[in-house]
Amino acid sequence: YLADMLNWTDLAAAFALYLVLEGIMPFVNPSAMRRFVTMYSKLGDAQLRIAGLVSMLAGLGLLYFARGH
């Protein structure tokens, strides 16, 4: 079942979209991106882990609904 769900072209497309989305902010507003990275670098490990967990859960939720399940 996992082999049917895992399509390498989907994975490549997802990675390509990730790169496009990651590049938008530094392209559109580099100074805001610099401020954001500076602020983010001052967070503690626990805060970064929580931010990472929230980001992963939001991504999983979006993927769940985008795939129509």
C-alpha atoms as a PDB file:
ATOM      1  CA  TYR A   1       0.000   0.000   0.000  1.00  0.00           C
ATOM      2  CA  LEU A   2       2.844   2.397   0.825  1.00  0.00           C
ATOM      3  CA  ALA A   3       4.451   1.737  -2.544  1.00  0.00           C
ATOM      4  CA  ASP A   4       1.225   2.817  -4.243  1.00  0.00           C
ATOM      5  CA  MET A   5       1.134   6.035  -2.209  1.00  0.00           C
ATOM      6  CA  LEU A   6       4.823   6.866  -2.659  1.00  0.00           C
ATOM      7  CA  ASN A   7       5.408   8.319  -6.071  1.00  0.00           C
ATOM      8  CA  TRP A   8       8.908   9.687  -6.606  1.00  0.00           C
ATOM      9  CA  THR A   9       7.664  12.345  -9.003  1.00  0.00           C
ATOM     10  CA  ASP A  10       5.283  13.578  -6.288  1.00  0.00           C
ATOM     11  CA  LEU A  11       8.182  13.731  -3.853  1.00  0.00           C
ATOM     12  CA  ALA A  12      10.308  15.667  -6.345  1.00  0.00           C
ATOM     13  CA  ALA A  13       7.408  18.050  -7.047  1.00  0.00           C
ATOM     14  CA  ALA A  14       6.876  18.601  -3.322  1.00  0.00           C
ATOM     15  CA  PHE A  15      10.567  19.364  -2.824  1.00  0.00           C
ATOM     16  CA  ALA A  16      10.555  21.744  -5.785  1.00  0.00           C
ATOM     17  CA  LEU A  17       7.519  23.556  -4.360  1.00  0.00           C
ATOM     18  CA  TYR A  18       9.264  23.747  -0.977  1.00  0.00           C
ATOM     19  CA  LEU A  19      12.258  25.433  -2.608  1.00  0.00           C
ATOM     20  CA  VAL A  20      10.018  27.909  -4.444  1.00  0.00           C
ATOM     21  CA  LEU A  21       8.152  28.802  -1.242  1.00  0.00           C
ATOM     22  CA  GLU A  22      11.374  29.117   0.751  1.00  0.00           C
ATOM     23  CA  GLY A  23      12.793  31.480  -1.857  1.00  0.00           C
ATOM     24  CA  ILE A  24       9.849  33.881  -1.965  1.00  0.00           C
ATOM     25  CA  MET A  25      10.606  35.803   1.241  1.00  0.00           C
ATOM     26  CA  PRO A  26      14.318  36.504   0.626  1.00  0.00           C
ATOM     27  CA  PHE A  27      13.518  37.476  -2.969  1.00  0.00           C
ATOM     28  CA  VAL A  28      10.608  39.799  -2.145  1.00  0.00           C
ATOM     29  CA  ASN A  29      11.886  41.329   1.106  1.00  0.00           C
ATOM     30  CA  PRO A  30      15.477  40.421   2.019  1.00  0.00           C
ATOM     31  CA  SER A  31      15.694  42.814   4.975  1.00  0.00           C
ATOM     32  CA  ALA A  32      12.583  41.319   6.616  1.00  0.00           C
ATOM     33  CA  MET A  33      14.023  37.857   6.034  1.00  0.00           C
ATOM     34  CA  ARG A  34      17.267  38.913   7.723  1.00  0.00           C
ATOM     35  CA  ARG A  35      15.315  40.273  10.742  1.00  0.00           C
ATOM     36  CA  PHE A  36      13.282  37.069  10.935  1.00  0.00           C
ATOM     37  CA  VAL A  37      16.383  34.860  10.888  1.00  0.00           C
ATOM     38  CA  THR A  38      18.021  37.017  13.557  1.00  0.00           C
ATOM     39  CA  MET A  39      14.922  36.769  15.767  1.00  0.00           C
ATOM     40  CA  TYR A  40      14.658  33.019  15.162  1.00  0.00           C
ATOM     41  CA  SER A  41      18.317  32.480  16.071  1.00  0.00           C
ATOM     42  CA  LYS A  42      17.712  33.976  19.522  1.00  0.00           C
ATOM     43  CA  LEU A  43      15.053  31.407  20.458  1.00  0.00           C
ATOM     44  CA  GLY A  44      15.932  28.611  22.864  1.00  0.00           C
ATOM     45  CA  ASP A  45      16.031  24.949  21.903  1.00  0.00           C
ATOM     46  CA  ALA A  46      12.649  24.208  23.490  1.00  0.00           C
ATOM     47  CA  GLN A  47      10.993  27.084  21.629  1.00  0.00           C
ATOM     48  CA  LEU A  48      12.520  25.971  18.329  1.00  0.00           C
ATOM     49  CA  ARG A  49      11.328  22.410  18.889  1.00  0.00           C
ATOM     50  CA  ILE A  50       7.801  23.629  19.616  1.00  0.00           C
ATOM     51  CA  ALA A  51       7.869  25.824  16.490  1.00  0.00           C
ATOM     52  CA  GLY A  52       9.101  22.845  14.452  1.00  0.00           C
ATOM     53  CA  LEU A  53       6.405  20.579  15.879  1.00  0.00           C
ATOM     54  CA  VAL A  54       3.672  23.128  15.143  1.00  0.00           C
ATOM     55  CA  SER A  55       4.993  23.545  11.609  1.00  0.00           C
ATOM     56  CA  MET A  56       5.054  19.781  11.013  1.00  0.00           C
ATOM     57  CA  LEU A  57       1.540  19.314  12.392  1.00  0.00           C
ATOM     58  CA  ALA A  58       0.216  22.183  10.275  1.00  0.00           C
ATOM     59  CA  GLY A  59       1.871  20.657   7.206  1.00  0.00           C
ATOM     60  CA  LEU A  60       0.433  17.229   7.947  1.00  0.00           C
ATOM     61  CA  GLY A  61      -3.020  18.736   8.441  1.00  0.00           C
ATOM     62  CA  LEU A  62      -2.825  20.630   5.160  1.00  0.00           C
ATOM     63  CA  LEU A  63      -1.589  17.536   3.364  1.00  0.00           C
ATOM     64  CA  TYR A  64      -4.401  15.460   4.855  1.00  0.00           C
ATOM     65  CA  PHE A  65      -7.054  17.862   3.588  1.00  0.00           C
ATOM     66  CA  ALA A  66      -5.317  18.506   0.271  1.00  0.00           C
ATOM     67  CA  ARG A  67      -5.282  14.781  -0.471  1.00  0.00           C
ATOM     68  CA  GLY A  68      -9.013  14.600   0.251  1.00  0.00           C
ATOM     69  CA  HIS A  69      -8.949  12.093   3.108  1.00  0.00           C
END
